[in-house]
């Protein structure tokens, strides 16, 4: 599968979501959603994690950067959709483990998944609050014992990438970081309306809906888009 580095961050360019999923399972890698923010603010550690695994263009900033480098076939693959595509495609043959969100969120997400995908084999789950001294170690031990084929981790970046790396060292599987996808799945949060999604304007819509939460984030991204326009990425 083709890939391209943008400011040192490797992004794969699959022909389709199906090809991306097949590649991840063939190589047992961590799927990392890459957007402009992750490219701009990647530390050496997180950049290395992405480059050892499978970064894919989750944000339009990453897609535009790939287009500027001549990869006009690159498309946006929202991680909040990809994990459900994985479940839909592999529910009868793979086992799953879910980590993240508040306790009530993960409980509802698991219940809803079992209702929507009756054949799904969820071998374990827990919330994303690893606050006790041994929580992380116990989680990694449980992953090692149950050996799921797929692990979804919804904790936000870079926390989820760092945790998935530790899990992977204990048990090689397909991992995917999901950010706030569990909340989205159970209806606690919502995506932009279809027109905004179809025109790659979801980020602008979210800023309009939550200006106080997102305006500083968007301002910090201005250097990224400046460098993008000047072909400096």
C-alpha atoms as a PDB file:
ATOM      1  CA  UNK A   1       0.000   0.000   0.000  1.00  0.00           C
ATOM      2  CA  UNK A   2       1.279   3.469  -0.879  1.00  0.00           C
ATOM      3  CA  UNK A   3       2.236   5.914   1.835  1.00  0.00           C
ATOM      4  CA  UNK A   4       3.620   9.440   2.071  1.00  0.00           C
ATOM      5  CA  UNK A   5       5.332  11.373   4.837  1.00  0.00           C
ATOM      6  CA  UNK A   6       3.933  14.767   5.793  1.00  0.00           C
ATOM      7  CA  UNK A   7       6.273  16.670   8.130  1.00  0.00           C
ATOM      8  CA  UNK A   8       7.793  13.338   9.096  1.00  0.00           C
ATOM      9  CA  UNK A   9       4.447  11.626   9.779  1.00  0.00           C
ATOM     10  CA  UNK A  10       3.750   8.639   7.540  1.00  0.00           C
ATOM     11  CA  UNK A  11       0.212   8.411   6.163  1.00  0.00           C
ATOM     12  CA  UNK A  12      -1.032   5.416   4.208  1.00  0.00           C
ATOM     13  CA  UNK A  13      -3.171   5.944   1.117  1.00  0.00           C
ATOM     14  CA  UNK A  14      -5.534   2.978   0.710  1.00  0.00           C
ATOM     15  CA  UNK A  15      -7.690   2.435  -2.351  1.00  0.00           C
ATOM     16  CA  UNK A  16     -10.685   1.948  -0.058  1.00  0.00           C
ATOM     17  CA  UNK A  17     -11.645   1.421   3.573  1.00  0.00           C
ATOM     18  CA  UNK A  18     -11.816  -2.299   2.882  1.00  0.00           C
ATOM     19  CA  UNK A  19      -8.203  -2.306   1.680  1.00  0.00           C
ATOM     20  CA  UNK A  20      -7.155  -0.374   4.789  1.00  0.00           C
ATOM     21  CA  UNK A  21      -8.859  -2.907   7.063  1.00  0.00           C
ATOM     22  CA  UNK A  22      -7.340  -5.846   5.190  1.00  0.00           C
ATOM     23  CA  UNK A  23      -3.884  -4.276   5.451  1.00  0.00           C
ATOM     24  CA  UNK A  24      -4.252  -3.686   9.194  1.00  0.00           C
ATOM     25  CA  UNK A  25      -5.320  -7.282   9.835  1.00  0.00           C
ATOM     26  CA  UNK A  26      -2.622  -8.713   7.587  1.00  0.00           C
ATOM     27  CA  UNK A  27       0.083  -6.867   9.528  1.00  0.00           C
ATOM     28  CA  UNK A  28      -1.564  -6.643  13.000  1.00  0.00           C
ATOM     29  CA  UNK A  29      -0.923  -2.941  13.428  1.00  0.00           C
ATOM     30  CA  UNK A  30      -2.257   0.052  15.323  1.00  0.00           C
ATOM     31  CA  UNK A  31      -4.592   2.216  13.222  1.00  0.00           C
ATOM     32  CA  UNK A  32      -3.864   5.866  13.995  1.00  0.00           C
ATOM     33  CA  UNK A  33      -6.145   8.649  12.781  1.00  0.00           C
ATOM     34  CA  UNK A  34      -4.018  11.471  11.358  1.00  0.00           C
ATOM     35  CA  UNK A  35      -5.200  15.067  10.966  1.00  0.00           C
ATOM     36  CA  UNK A  36      -3.524  18.446  10.708  1.00  0.00           C
ATOM     37  CA  UNK A  37      -3.360  18.861  14.469  1.00  0.00           C
ATOM     38  CA  UNK A  38      -1.652  15.506  14.964  1.00  0.00           C
ATOM     39  CA  UNK A  39       0.866  16.270  12.213  1.00  0.00           C
ATOM     40  CA  UNK A  40       1.699  19.707  13.610  1.00  0.00           C
ATOM     41  CA  UNK A  41       1.961  18.745  17.270  1.00  0.00           C
ATOM     42  CA  UNK A  42       3.394  15.225  17.020  1.00  0.00           C
ATOM     43  CA  UNK A  43       6.173  14.613  19.509  1.00  0.00           C
ATOM     44  CA  UNK A  44       9.091  12.421  18.517  1.00  0.00           C
ATOM     45  CA  UNK A  45       7.512   9.573  20.488  1.00  0.00           C
ATOM     46  CA  UNK A  46       4.054   9.809  18.940  1.00  0.00           C
ATOM     47  CA  UNK A  47       5.533  10.320  15.466  1.00  0.00           C
ATOM     48  CA  UNK A  48       7.509   7.107  15.887  1.00  0.00           C
ATOM     49  CA  UNK A  49       4.388   5.244  17.022  1.00  0.00           C
ATOM     50  CA  UNK A  50       2.480   6.429  13.953  1.00  0.00           C
ATOM     51  CA  UNK A  51       5.340   5.565  11.610  1.00  0.00           C
ATOM     52  CA  UNK A  52       5.693   2.051  13.030  1.00  0.00           C
ATOM     53  CA  UNK A  53       2.014   1.445  12.450  1.00  0.00           C
ATOM     54  CA  UNK A  54      -0.753   2.523  10.071  1.00  0.00           C
ATOM     55  CA  UNK A  55      -1.574   6.215  10.018  1.00  0.00           C
ATOM     56  CA  UNK A  56      -4.584   7.091   7.867  1.00  0.00           C
ATOM     57  CA  UNK A  57      -6.099  10.434   6.831  1.00  0.00           C
ATOM     58  CA  UNK A  58      -8.894  11.063   9.317  1.00  0.00           C
ATOM     59  CA  UNK A  59      -8.863  14.853   8.875  1.00  0.00           C
ATOM     60  CA  UNK A  60      -9.207  17.061   5.821  1.00  0.00           C
ATOM     61  CA  UNK A  61      -5.907  18.779   6.696  1.00  0.00           C
ATOM     62  CA  UNK A  62      -4.100  15.470   6.171  1.00  0.00           C
ATOM     63  CA  UNK A  63      -6.019  14.810   2.940  1.00  0.00           C
ATOM     64  CA  UNK A  64      -5.129  18.233   1.512  1.00  0.00           C
ATOM     65  CA  UNK A  65      -1.461  17.670   2.385  1.00  0.00           C
ATOM     66  CA  UNK A  66      -1.497  14.371   0.478  1.00  0.00           C
ATOM     67  CA  UNK A  67      -3.194  16.064  -2.481  1.00  0.00           C
ATOM     68  CA  UNK A  68      -0.483  18.743  -2.498  1.00  0.00           C
ATOM     69  CA  UNK A  69       2.091  15.957  -2.714  1.00  0.00           C
ATOM     70  CA  UNK A  70       0.389  14.514  -5.785  1.00  0.00           C
ATOM     71  CA  UNK A  71      -1.783  11.840  -4.165  1.00  0.00           C
ATOM     72  CA  UNK A  72      -5.106  13.065  -5.518  1.00  0.00           C
ATOM     73  CA  UNK A  73      -6.744   9.714  -4.785  1.00  0.00           C
ATOM     74  CA  UNK A  74      -6.360  10.259  -1.026  1.00  0.00           C
ATOM     75  CA  UNK A  75      -9.680  10.460   0.794  1.00  0.00           C
ATOM     76  CA  UNK A  76     -10.837  11.256   4.301  1.00  0.00           C
ATOM     77  CA  UNK A  77     -11.574   8.141   6.357  1.00  0.00           C
ATOM     78  CA  UNK A  78     -13.327   9.167   9.599  1.00  0.00           C
ATOM     79  CA  UNK A  79     -12.206   6.985  12.475  1.00  0.00           C
ATOM     80  CA  UNK A  80     -15.675   7.298  14.017  1.00  0.00           C
ATOM     81  CA  UNK A  81     -16.982   5.380  10.999  1.00  0.00           C
ATOM     82  CA  UNK A  82     -14.035   3.039  10.438  1.00  0.00           C
ATOM     83  CA  UNK A  83     -14.354   1.176  13.746  1.00  0.00           C
ATOM     84  CA  UNK A  84     -17.976   0.320  12.970  1.00  0.00           C
ATOM     85  CA  UNK A  85     -16.946  -0.782   9.476  1.00  0.00           C
ATOM     86  CA  UNK A  86     -14.438  -3.131  11.115  1.00  0.00           C
ATOM     87  CA  UNK A  87     -17.090  -4.573  13.418  1.00  0.00           C
ATOM     88  CA  UNK A  88     -19.576  -4.948  10.582  1.00  0.00           C
ATOM     89  CA  UNK A  89     -17.039  -6.736   8.392  1.00  0.00           C
ATOM     90  CA  UNK A  90     -15.433  -8.968  11.035  1.00  0.00           C
ATOM     91  CA  UNK A  91     -18.085  -9.478  13.746  1.00  0.00           C
ATOM     92  CA  UNK A  92     -18.464 -13.202  13.025  1.00  0.00           C
ATOM     93  CA  UNK A  93     -14.760 -14.068  12.884  1.00  0.00           C
ATOM     94  CA  UNK A  94     -12.884 -11.712  15.218  1.00  0.00           C
ATOM     95  CA  UNK A  95     -13.007 -10.988  18.952  1.00  0.00           C
ATOM     96  CA  UNK A  96     -13.145  -7.455  20.342  1.00  0.00           C
ATOM     97  CA  UNK A  97     -12.052  -5.537  23.445  1.00  0.00           C
ATOM     98  CA  UNK A  98     -13.161  -1.965  24.183  1.00  0.00           C
ATOM     99  CA  UNK A  99     -11.493   0.626  26.418  1.00  0.00           C
ATOM    100  CA  UNK A 100     -12.548   4.214  27.049  1.00  0.00           C
ATOM    101  CA  UNK A 101     -15.185   6.679  28.113  1.00  0.00           C
ATOM    102  CA  UNK A 102     -17.014   7.005  31.401  1.00  0.00           C
ATOM    103  CA  UNK A 103     -18.400   3.835  32.976  1.00  0.00           C
ATOM    104  CA  UNK A 104     -21.959   4.586  31.879  1.00  0.00           C
ATOM    105  CA  UNK A 105     -20.741   5.364  28.352  1.00  0.00           C
ATOM    106  CA  UNK A 106     -18.794   2.133  27.852  1.00  0.00           C
ATOM    107  CA  UNK A 107     -21.622   0.083  29.383  1.00  0.00           C
ATOM    108  CA  UNK A 108     -24.164   1.622  27.009  1.00  0.00           C
ATOM    109  CA  UNK A 109     -21.831   1.326  24.005  1.00  0.00           C
ATOM    110  CA  UNK A 110     -21.274  -2.396  24.638  1.00  0.00           C
ATOM    111  CA  UNK A 111     -24.997  -2.993  25.140  1.00  0.00           C
ATOM    112  CA  UNK A 112     -25.826  -1.124  21.939  1.00  0.00           C
ATOM    113  CA  UNK A 113     -23.153  -2.981  19.953  1.00  0.00           C
ATOM    114  CA  UNK A 114     -24.489  -6.342  21.120  1.00  0.00           C
ATOM    115  CA  UNK A 115     -27.969  -5.302  20.058  1.00  0.00           C
ATOM    116  CA  UNK A 116     -26.883  -3.937  16.664  1.00  0.00           C
ATOM    117  CA  UNK A 117     -24.390  -6.727  15.944  1.00  0.00           C
ATOM    118  CA  UNK A 118     -25.817  -9.893  17.574  1.00  0.00           C
ATOM    119  CA  UNK A 119     -22.878 -12.038  16.440  1.00  0.00           C
ATOM    120  CA  UNK A 120     -20.216  -9.802  17.975  1.00  0.00           C
ATOM    121  CA  UNK A 121     -17.775 -11.412  20.411  1.00  0.00           C
ATOM    122  CA  UNK A 122     -16.762  -8.782  22.969  1.00  0.00           C
ATOM    123  CA  UNK A 123     -14.288 -10.523  25.266  1.00  0.00           C
ATOM    124  CA  UNK A 124     -13.710  -7.555  27.558  1.00  0.00           C
ATOM    125  CA  UNK A 125     -14.260  -3.855  28.179  1.00  0.00           C
ATOM    126  CA  UNK A 126     -13.591  -1.156  30.748  1.00  0.00           C
ATOM    127  CA  UNK A 127     -13.855   2.610  31.156  1.00  0.00           C
ATOM    128  CA  UNK A 128     -11.016   4.931  30.244  1.00  0.00           C
ATOM    129  CA  UNK A 129     -10.205   6.157  33.740  1.00  0.00           C
ATOM    130  CA  UNK A 130      -7.031   4.343  34.720  1.00  0.00           C
ATOM    131  CA  UNK A 131      -6.630   6.186  38.007  1.00  0.00           C
ATOM    132  CA  UNK A 132      -5.680   3.482  40.500  1.00  0.00           C
ATOM    133  CA  UNK A 133      -2.039   2.460  40.769  1.00  0.00           C
ATOM    134  CA  UNK A 134      -2.491  -0.926  39.111  1.00  0.00           C
ATOM    135  CA  UNK A 135      -5.281  -0.081  36.621  1.00  0.00           C
ATOM    136  CA  UNK A 136      -3.058   0.136  33.555  1.00  0.00           C
ATOM    137  CA  UNK A 137      -1.063  -2.972  34.427  1.00  0.00           C
ATOM    138  CA  UNK A 138      -4.248  -4.940  35.125  1.00  0.00           C
ATOM    139  CA  UNK A 139      -5.739  -3.825  31.819  1.00  0.00           C
ATOM    140  CA  UNK A 140      -2.651  -4.849  29.856  1.00  0.00           C
ATOM    141  CA  UNK A 141      -2.584  -8.195  31.675  1.00  0.00           C
ATOM    142  CA  UNK A 142      -6.239  -8.753  30.800  1.00  0.00           C
ATOM    143  CA  UNK A 143      -5.550  -7.972  27.146  1.00  0.00           C
ATOM    144  CA  UNK A 144      -2.671 -10.437  27.233  1.00  0.00           C
ATOM    145  CA  UNK A 145      -4.828 -13.133  28.813  1.00  0.00           C
ATOM    146  CA  UNK A 146      -7.904 -12.750  26.596  1.00  0.00           C
ATOM    147  CA  UNK A 147      -5.965 -12.136  23.368  1.00  0.00           C
ATOM    148  CA  UNK A 148      -8.608 -10.184  21.417  1.00  0.00           C
ATOM    149  CA  UNK A 149      -8.199  -9.775  17.674  1.00  0.00           C
ATOM    150  CA  UNK A 150      -9.235  -6.106  17.808  1.00  0.00           C
ATOM    151  CA  UNK A 151      -8.865  -3.520  20.571  1.00  0.00           C
ATOM    152  CA  UNK A 152     -10.619  -0.140  20.399  1.00  0.00           C
ATOM    153  CA  UNK A 153      -9.260   2.576  22.707  1.00  0.00           C
ATOM    154  CA  UNK A 154     -11.252   5.801  23.099  1.00  0.00           C
ATOM    155  CA  UNK A 155      -9.228   8.127  25.318  1.00  0.00           C
ATOM    156  CA  UNK A 156      -8.052  10.992  23.104  1.00  0.00           C
ATOM    157  CA  UNK A 157      -4.584  11.679  21.707  1.00  0.00           C
ATOM    158  CA  UNK A 158      -1.784  11.167  22.541  1.00  0.00           C
ATOM    159  CA  UNK A 159      -2.924   9.194  25.599  1.00  0.00           C
ATOM    160  CA  UNK A 160      -4.615   6.475  23.573  1.00  0.00           C
ATOM    161  CA  UNK A 161      -1.650   6.011  21.217  1.00  0.00           C
ATOM    162  CA  UNK A 162       0.782   5.682  24.124  1.00  0.00           C
ATOM    163  CA  UNK A 163      -1.464   3.128  25.830  1.00  0.00           C
ATOM    164  CA  UNK A 164      -2.038   1.133  22.643  1.00  0.00           C
ATOM    165  CA  UNK A 165       1.715   0.912  22.135  1.00  0.00           C
ATOM    166  CA  UNK A 166       2.099  -0.647  25.603  1.00  0.00           C
ATOM    167  CA  UNK A 167      -0.770  -3.049  24.935  1.00  0.00           C
ATOM    168  CA  UNK A 168       0.659  -4.018  21.570  1.00  0.00           C
ATOM    169  CA  UNK A 169       4.002  -4.936  23.110  1.00  0.00           C
ATOM    170  CA  UNK A 170       2.119  -7.395  25.329  1.00  0.00           C
ATOM    171  CA  UNK A 171      -0.318  -8.701  22.708  1.00  0.00           C
ATOM    172  CA  UNK A 172      -0.085  -8.086  18.956  1.00  0.00           C
ATOM    173  CA  UNK A 173      -3.510  -7.373  17.466  1.00  0.00           C
ATOM    174  CA  UNK A 174      -5.300  -4.707  15.458  1.00  0.00           C
ATOM    175  CA  UNK A 175      -5.707  -1.598  17.611  1.00  0.00           C
ATOM    176  CA  UNK A 176      -7.579   1.592  16.785  1.00  0.00           C
ATOM    177  CA  UNK A 177      -7.721   4.872  18.693  1.00  0.00           C
ATOM    178  CA  UNK A 178     -11.217   6.337  18.717  1.00  0.00           C
ATOM    179  CA  UNK A 179     -11.155   9.615  20.634  1.00  0.00           C
ATOM    180  CA  UNK A 180     -14.774  10.412  21.500  1.00  0.00           C
ATOM    181  CA  UNK A 181     -16.364   7.817  19.216  1.00  0.00           C
ATOM    182  CA  UNK A 182     -18.148   5.931  22.004  1.00  0.00           C
ATOM    183  CA  UNK A 183     -20.023   9.092  23.020  1.00  0.00           C
ATOM    184  CA  UNK A 184     -20.873   9.687  19.377  1.00  0.00           C
ATOM    185  CA  UNK A 185     -22.072   6.112  18.907  1.00  0.00           C
ATOM    186  CA  UNK A 186     -24.500   6.189  21.834  1.00  0.00           C
ATOM    187  CA  UNK A 187     -25.834   9.642  20.923  1.00  0.00           C
ATOM    188  CA  UNK A 188     -24.217  11.770  23.634  1.00  0.00           C
ATOM    189  CA  UNK A 189     -22.570  13.865  20.914  1.00  0.00           C
ATOM    190  CA  UNK A 190     -23.412  14.390  17.255  1.00  0.00           C
ATOM    191  CA  UNK A 191     -21.593  14.893  13.972  1.00  0.00           C
ATOM    192  CA  UNK A 192     -22.216  17.759  11.570  1.00  0.00           C
ATOM    193  CA  UNK A 193     -25.230  17.568   9.219  1.00  0.00           C
ATOM    194  CA  UNK A 194     -24.715  15.754   5.923  1.00  0.00           C
ATOM    195  CA  UNK A 195     -24.107  18.873   3.790  1.00  0.00           C
ATOM    196  CA  UNK A 196     -21.195  19.936   5.994  1.00  0.00           C
ATOM    197  CA  UNK A 197     -19.745  16.419   5.920  1.00  0.00           C
ATOM    198  CA  UNK A 198     -20.106  16.099   2.142  1.00  0.00           C
ATOM    199  CA  UNK A 199     -18.253  19.380   1.628  1.00  0.00           C
ATOM    200  CA  UNK A 200     -15.448  18.589   4.095  1.00  0.00           C
ATOM    201  CA  UNK A 201     -16.555  21.374   6.414  1.00  0.00           C
ATOM    202  CA  UNK A 202     -17.141  19.365   9.581  1.00  0.00           C
ATOM    203  CA  UNK A 203     -14.357  21.169  11.438  1.00  0.00           C
ATOM    204  CA  UNK A 204     -15.858  24.585  10.671  1.00  0.00           C
ATOM    205  CA  UNK A 205     -19.302  23.393  11.759  1.00  0.00           C
ATOM    206  CA  UNK A 206     -17.946  22.116  15.066  1.00  0.00           C
ATOM    207  CA  UNK A 207     -16.183  25.422  15.696  1.00  0.00           C
ATOM    208  CA  UNK A 208     -19.410  27.313  15.032  1.00  0.00           C
ATOM    209  CA  UNK A 209     -21.263  25.038  17.457  1.00  0.00           C
ATOM    210  CA  UNK A 210     -18.566  25.103  20.173  1.00  0.00           C
ATOM    211  CA  UNK A 211     -16.572  28.321  19.635  1.00  0.00           C
ATOM    212  CA  UNK A 212     -15.162  28.584  23.166  1.00  0.00           C
ATOM    213  CA  UNK A 213     -13.968  24.993  23.126  1.00  0.00           C
ATOM    214  CA  UNK A 214     -12.427  24.987  19.652  1.00  0.00           C
ATOM    215  CA  UNK A 215     -11.362  28.498  18.655  1.00  0.00           C
ATOM    216  CA  UNK A 216      -7.903  28.336  20.278  1.00  0.00           C
ATOM    217  CA  UNK A 217      -7.335  24.888  18.784  1.00  0.00           C
ATOM    218  CA  UNK A 218      -8.123  26.269  15.331  1.00  0.00           C
ATOM    219  CA  UNK A 219      -5.884  29.305  15.817  1.00  0.00           C
ATOM    220  CA  UNK A 220      -2.986  27.003  16.727  1.00  0.00           C
ATOM    221  CA  UNK A 221      -3.544  25.179  13.435  1.00  0.00           C
ATOM    222  CA  UNK A 222      -3.070  28.300  11.301  1.00  0.00           C
ATOM    223  CA  UNK A 223       0.706  27.701  10.889  1.00  0.00           C
ATOM    224  CA  UNK A 224      -0.056  24.205   9.592  1.00  0.00           C
ATOM    225  CA  UNK A 225      -2.351  25.490   6.859  1.00  0.00           C
ATOM    226  CA  UNK A 226       0.072  28.333   6.075  1.00  0.00           C
ATOM    227  CA  UNK A 227       2.835  25.778   5.501  1.00  0.00           C
ATOM    228  CA  UNK A 228       0.408  23.596   3.561  1.00  0.00           C
ATOM    229  CA  UNK A 229      -0.363  26.400   1.115  1.00  0.00           C
ATOM    230  CA  UNK A 230       3.359  27.127   0.672  1.00  0.00           C
ATOM    231  CA  UNK A 231       4.217  23.434   0.157  1.00  0.00           C
ATOM    232  CA  UNK A 232       6.427  23.413   3.235  1.00  0.00           C
ATOM    233  CA  UNK A 233       5.034  20.265   4.852  1.00  0.00           C
END
